Amino acid sequence: MFLKDSVESGYKQLKRISEGAFGEVILAEEYENPRKRVAIKLVRCQTNEEGLSLAIFREVQSMRFLDHPNIVKLYHVYPEESSYGLVMEYCKYNLSEVYFIVF
């Protein structure tokens, strides 16, 4: 796990949930409120002249304005050296598990 101090200072890493081509997702809990679990999506990316990947910018902008009970909430964004940490609401089911629960 490659979180820097900016993320580690507020969250205790528990375990890696998943890993893909662009990064990984880590289950964490707040130090101040250990009952509050979050998912930290660490996205490795190439940056443009402004210092932010267009794909990450679009994802963050979209998540900032979405407010629906079926969409995870974005709490914080932490820029790192070659990645971004997106601290989001934790959903304990993945999409395939939700499909089998609902249907």
N, C-alpha and C. Protein backbone atom coordinates (compact mmCIF):
# COMPACT_ATOMS: atom_id res chain seq x y z
N MET A 1 0.85 -1.17 0.00
CA MET A 1 0.00 0.00 0.00
C MET A 1 0.89 1.24 0.00
N PHE A 2 0.56 2.19 -0.82
CA PHE A 2 1.48 3.30 -1.01
C PHE A 2 0.88 4.66 -0.63
N LEU A 3 0.13 4.70 0.45
CA LEU A 3 -0.43 5.96 0.91
C LEU A 3 0.64 6.81 1.57
N LYS A 4 0.58 8.10 1.35
CA LYS A 4 1.51 9.04 1.98
C LYS A 4 0.89 9.60 3.25
N ASP A 5 1.62 10.46 3.93
CA ASP A 5 1.18 11.02 5.20
C ASP A 5 -0.16 11.76 5.10
N SER A 6 -0.45 12.41 3.97
CA SER A 6 -1.68 13.18 3.87
C SER A 6 -2.91 12.30 4.07
N VAL A 7 -2.87 11.09 3.58
CA VAL A 7 -4.00 10.19 3.76
C VAL A 7 -3.87 9.43 5.07
N GLU A 8 -2.68 8.96 5.39
CA GLU A 8 -2.48 8.18 6.61
C GLU A 8 -2.78 8.98 7.86
N SER A 9 -2.63 10.29 7.81
CA SER A 9 -2.86 11.10 9.00
C SER A 9 -4.31 11.07 9.46
N GLY A 10 -5.25 10.76 8.57
CA GLY A 10 -6.65 10.74 8.97
C GLY A 10 -7.30 9.37 8.94
N TYR A 11 -6.62 8.39 8.32
CA TYR A 11 -7.24 7.09 8.12
C TYR A 11 -6.27 5.96 8.42
N LYS A 12 -6.79 4.93 9.04
CA LYS A 12 -6.01 3.71 9.31
C LYS A 12 -6.32 2.70 8.21
N GLN A 13 -5.29 2.25 7.51
CA GLN A 13 -5.48 1.28 6.44
C GLN A 13 -5.78 -0.09 7.04
N LEU A 14 -6.82 -0.75 6.55
CA LEU A 14 -7.19 -2.07 7.04
C LEU A 14 -6.78 -3.18 6.08
N LYS A 15 -7.17 -3.06 4.81
CA LYS A 15 -6.79 -4.08 3.83
C LYS A 15 -7.04 -3.56 2.43
N ARG A 16 -6.39 -4.20 1.46
CA ARG A 16 -6.62 -3.89 0.05
C ARG A 16 -7.90 -4.60 -0.37
N ILE A 17 -8.81 -3.86 -0.97
CA ILE A 17 -10.07 -4.43 -1.44
C ILE A 17 -9.92 -4.96 -2.86
N SER A 18 -9.29 -4.16 -3.71
CA SER A 18 -9.11 -4.59 -5.09
C SER A 18 -7.93 -3.84 -5.71
N GLU A 19 -7.51 -4.33 -6.87
CA GLU A 19 -6.41 -3.70 -7.60
C GLU A 19 -6.69 -3.84 -9.08
N GLY A 20 -6.37 -2.80 -9.83
CA GLY A 20 -6.59 -2.84 -11.27
C GLY A 20 -5.45 -2.17 -12.01
N ALA A 21 -5.67 -1.91 -13.28
CA ALA A 21 -4.64 -1.35 -14.14
C ALA A 21 -4.26 0.08 -13.73
N PHE A 22 -5.19 0.83 -13.15
CA PHE A 22 -4.93 2.23 -12.84
C PHE A 22 -4.67 2.49 -11.37
N GLY A 23 -4.77 1.49 -10.52
CA GLY A 23 -4.53 1.72 -9.11
C GLY A 23 -5.13 0.63 -8.25
N GLU A 24 -5.46 1.02 -7.02
CA GLU A 24 -6.01 0.06 -6.07
C GLU A 24 -7.02 0.75 -5.17
N VAL A 25 -7.83 -0.07 -4.49
CA VAL A 25 -8.82 0.44 -3.54
C VAL A 25 -8.51 -0.19 -2.19
N ILE A 26 -8.43 0.66 -1.16
CA ILE A 26 -8.07 0.23 0.18
C ILE A 26 -9.22 0.52 1.14
N LEU A 27 -9.54 -0.45 1.97
CA LEU A 27 -10.51 -0.26 3.04
C LEU A 27 -9.78 0.40 4.19
N ALA A 28 -10.36 1.46 4.73
CA ALA A 28 -9.73 2.19 5.84
C ALA A 28 -10.80 2.65 6.81
N GLU A 29 -10.36 3.08 7.98
CA GLU A 29 -11.29 3.65 8.95
C GLU A 29 -10.69 4.95 9.46
N GLU A 30 -11.57 5.86 9.87
CA GLU A 30 -11.11 7.13 10.40
C GLU A 30 -10.48 6.91 11.77
N TYR A 31 -9.40 7.62 12.04
CA TYR A 31 -8.79 7.54 13.37
C TYR A 31 -9.72 8.14 14.43
N GLU A 32 -10.38 9.25 14.08
CA GLU A 32 -11.25 9.93 15.03
C GLU A 32 -12.54 9.16 15.29
N ASN A 33 -13.01 8.41 14.31
CA ASN A 33 -14.24 7.65 14.43
C ASN A 33 -14.02 6.26 13.81
N PRO A 34 -13.46 5.32 14.58
CA PRO A 34 -13.12 4.00 14.02
C PRO A 34 -14.31 3.22 13.46
N ARG A 35 -15.52 3.61 13.81
CA ARG A 35 -16.69 2.92 13.26
C ARG A 35 -17.00 3.35 11.83
N LYS A 36 -16.41 4.48 11.41
CA LYS A 36 -16.66 4.98 10.05
C LYS A 36 -15.61 4.42 9.11
N ARG A 37 -16.04 3.51 8.25
CA ARG A 37 -15.15 2.92 7.26
C ARG A 37 -15.32 3.62 5.93
N VAL A 38 -14.21 3.77 5.23
CA VAL A 38 -14.20 4.42 3.93
C VAL A 38 -13.40 3.56 2.95
N ALA A 39 -13.62 3.81 1.68
CA ALA A 39 -12.81 3.20 0.64
C ALA A 39 -11.91 4.29 0.08
N ILE A 40 -10.62 4.03 0.02
CA ILE A 40 -9.69 4.99 -0.56
C ILE A 40 -9.25 4.44 -1.91
N LYS A 41 -9.65 5.12 -2.96
CA LYS A 41 -9.29 4.72 -4.32
C LYS A 41 -8.01 5.46 -4.70
N LEU A 42 -6.94 4.71 -4.83
CA LEU A 42 -5.65 5.29 -5.22
C LEU A 42 -5.48 5.11 -6.72
N VAL A 43 -5.46 6.21 -7.44
CA VAL A 43 -5.39 6.17 -8.89
C VAL A 43 -4.05 6.71 -9.35
N ARG A 44 -3.26 5.84 -10.01
CA ARG A 44 -2.00 6.28 -10.61
C ARG A 44 -2.35 6.96 -11.93
N CYS A 45 -1.74 8.09 -12.18
CA CYS A 45 -2.11 8.79 -13.40
C CYS A 45 -0.98 9.67 -13.91
N GLN A 46 -1.07 9.96 -15.19
CA GLN A 46 -0.21 10.93 -15.84
C GLN A 46 -0.90 12.28 -15.69
N THR A 47 -0.15 13.31 -15.41
CA THR A 47 -0.75 14.64 -15.25
C THR A 47 -0.49 15.50 -16.47
N ASN A 48 -1.37 16.47 -16.67
CA ASN A 48 -1.17 17.42 -17.76
C ASN A 48 -0.46 18.66 -17.23
N GLU A 49 -0.41 19.72 -18.02
CA GLU A 49 0.30 20.95 -17.61
C GLU A 49 -0.27 21.55 -16.33
N GLU A 50 -1.58 21.40 -16.12
CA GLU A 50 -2.21 21.96 -14.92
C GLU A 50 -2.00 21.08 -13.70
N GLY A 51 -1.43 19.88 -13.88
CA GLY A 51 -1.12 19.01 -12.75
C GLY A 51 -2.22 18.01 -12.39
N LEU A 52 -3.24 17.89 -13.23
CA LEU A 52 -4.32 16.96 -12.90
C LEU A 52 -4.74 16.21 -14.16
N SER A 53 -4.84 14.92 -14.04
CA SER A 53 -5.30 14.10 -15.16
C SER A 53 -6.74 14.47 -15.49
N LEU A 54 -7.04 14.55 -16.77
CA LEU A 54 -8.40 14.90 -17.20
C LEU A 54 -9.42 13.86 -16.73
N ALA A 55 -9.04 12.59 -16.77
CA ALA A 55 -9.95 11.54 -16.32
C ALA A 55 -10.26 11.67 -14.84
N ILE A 56 -9.25 11.93 -14.02
CA ILE A 56 -9.47 12.11 -12.58
C ILE A 56 -10.30 13.37 -12.34
N PHE A 57 -9.99 14.44 -13.05
CA PHE A 57 -10.74 15.68 -12.90
C PHE A 57 -12.22 15.45 -13.18
N ARG A 58 -12.54 14.73 -14.25
CA ARG A 58 -13.94 14.46 -14.60
C ARG A 58 -14.62 13.61 -13.54
N GLU A 59 -13.92 12.60 -13.04
CA GLU A 59 -14.52 11.74 -12.02
C GLU A 59 -14.81 12.53 -10.75
N VAL A 60 -13.85 13.34 -10.32
CA VAL A 60 -14.04 14.14 -9.11
C VAL A 60 -15.15 15.15 -9.30
N GLN A 61 -15.17 15.84 -10.42
CA GLN A 61 -16.23 16.82 -10.68
C GLN A 61 -17.60 16.17 -10.68
N SER A 62 -17.71 15.01 -11.30
CA SER A 62 -19.01 14.31 -11.33
C SER A 62 -19.44 13.90 -9.94
N MET A 63 -18.52 13.31 -9.18
CA MET A 63 -18.88 12.81 -7.85
C MET A 63 -19.20 13.94 -6.87
N ARG A 64 -18.59 15.10 -7.05
CA ARG A 64 -18.85 16.23 -6.14
C ARG A 64 -20.31 16.66 -6.18
N PHE A 65 -20.92 16.56 -7.35
CA PHE A 65 -22.27 17.10 -7.52
C PHE A 65 -23.36 16.04 -7.46
N LEU A 66 -22.99 14.77 -7.41
CA LEU A 66 -24.00 13.71 -7.34
C LEU A 66 -24.41 13.47 -5.90
N ASP A 67 -25.68 13.45 -5.66
CA ASP A 67 -26.20 13.20 -4.32
C ASP A 67 -27.42 12.29 -4.46
N HIS A 68 -27.17 11.00 -4.31
CA HIS A 68 -28.23 10.01 -4.46
C HIS A 68 -27.90 8.83 -3.55
N PRO A 69 -28.89 8.22 -2.92
CA PRO A 69 -28.60 7.11 -2.00
C PRO A 69 -27.95 5.90 -2.66
N ASN A 70 -28.05 5.77 -3.99
CA ASN A 70 -27.46 4.63 -4.68
C ASN A 70 -26.09 4.93 -5.28
N ILE A 71 -25.54 6.11 -5.00
CA ILE A 71 -24.22 6.49 -5.51
C ILE A 71 -23.32 6.80 -4.31
N VAL A 72 -22.13 6.19 -4.29
CA VAL A 72 -21.21 6.43 -3.17
C VAL A 72 -20.80 7.90 -3.16
N LYS A 73 -20.60 8.41 -1.96
CA LYS A 73 -20.24 9.81 -1.77
C LYS A 73 -18.72 9.97 -1.77
N LEU A 74 -18.25 11.07 -2.33
CA LEU A 74 -16.84 11.42 -2.30
C LEU A 74 -16.61 12.36 -1.13
N TYR A 75 -15.70 11.99 -0.21
CA TYR A 75 -15.43 12.82 0.96
C TYR A 75 -14.24 13.75 0.77
N HIS A 76 -13.12 13.22 0.27
CA HIS A 76 -11.90 14.01 0.13
C HIS A 76 -11.11 13.53 -1.09
N VAL A 77 -10.25 14.43 -1.59
CA VAL A 77 -9.30 14.07 -2.64
C VAL A 77 -7.92 14.51 -2.17
N TYR A 78 -6.97 13.56 -2.21
CA TYR A 78 -5.61 13.83 -1.78
C TYR A 78 -4.65 13.64 -2.94
N PRO A 79 -4.00 14.71 -3.40
CA PRO A 79 -2.99 14.52 -4.44
C PRO A 79 -1.72 13.93 -3.82
N GLU A 80 -1.15 12.98 -4.50
CA GLU A 80 0.11 12.36 -4.08
C GLU A 80 1.13 12.62 -5.18
N GLU A 81 2.31 12.03 -5.08
CA GLU A 81 3.36 12.27 -6.08
C GLU A 81 2.92 11.90 -7.49
N SER A 82 2.52 10.67 -7.70
CA SER A 82 2.11 10.23 -9.04
C SER A 82 0.72 9.60 -9.02
N SER A 83 -0.07 9.95 -8.03
CA SER A 83 -1.40 9.39 -7.92
C SER A 83 -2.32 10.35 -7.16
N TYR A 84 -3.58 9.97 -7.09
CA TYR A 84 -4.56 10.71 -6.31
C TYR A 84 -5.28 9.73 -5.41
N GLY A 85 -5.57 10.14 -4.19
CA GLY A 85 -6.34 9.32 -3.27
C GLY A 85 -7.74 9.90 -3.16
N LEU A 86 -8.73 9.14 -3.57
CA LEU A 86 -10.12 9.57 -3.48
C LEU A 86 -10.75 8.82 -2.31
N VAL A 87 -11.09 9.55 -1.26
CA VAL A 87 -11.70 8.95 -0.08
C VAL A 87 -13.21 8.98 -0.28
N MET A 88 -13.79 7.77 -0.31
CA MET A 88 -15.20 7.66 -0.64
C MET A 88 -15.95 6.83 0.39
N GLU A 89 -17.24 6.96 0.36
CA GLU A 89 -18.11 6.13 1.17
C GLU A 89 -17.83 4.66 0.84
N TYR A 90 -17.81 3.82 1.86
CA TYR A 90 -17.53 2.40 1.65
C TYR A 90 -18.82 1.64 1.42
N CYS A 91 -18.87 0.87 0.36
CA CYS A 91 -19.99 -0.01 0.06
C CYS A 91 -19.47 -1.44 0.17
N LYS A 92 -20.04 -2.24 1.05
CA LYS A 92 -19.46 -3.55 1.32
C LYS A 92 -19.75 -4.59 0.24
N TYR A 93 -20.60 -4.27 -0.73
CA TYR A 93 -20.90 -5.22 -1.80
C TYR A 93 -20.30 -4.74 -3.12
N ASN A 94 -19.87 -5.68 -3.96
CA ASN A 94 -19.48 -5.29 -5.31
C ASN A 94 -20.70 -5.46 -6.22
N LEU A 95 -20.59 -5.03 -7.46
CA LEU A 95 -21.75 -5.03 -8.34
C LEU A 95 -22.33 -6.42 -8.58
N SER A 96 -21.50 -7.44 -8.71
CA SER A 96 -22.04 -8.78 -8.94
C SER A 96 -22.79 -9.29 -7.72
N GLU A 97 -22.33 -8.95 -6.52
CA GLU A 97 -23.04 -9.36 -5.30
C GLU A 97 -24.38 -8.63 -5.18
N VAL A 98 -24.41 -7.36 -5.54
CA VAL A 98 -25.66 -6.59 -5.48
C VAL A 98 -26.67 -7.18 -6.44
N TYR A 99 -26.24 -7.58 -7.62
CA TYR A 99 -27.14 -8.17 -8.60
C TYR A 99 -27.83 -9.41 -8.02
N PHE A 100 -27.06 -10.27 -7.34
CA PHE A 100 -27.65 -11.48 -6.79
C PHE A 100 -28.51 -11.21 -5.56
N ILE A 101 -28.26 -10.15 -4.86
CA ILE A 101 -29.09 -9.79 -3.70
C ILE A 101 -30.43 -9.24 -4.17
N VAL A 102 -30.40 -8.40 -5.20
CA VAL A 102 -31.62 -7.74 -5.69
C VAL A 102 -32.45 -8.68 -6.54
N PHE A 103 -31.81 -9.48 -7.37
CA PHE A 103 -32.55 -10.33 -8.31
C PHE A 103 -32.52 -11.71 -7.83
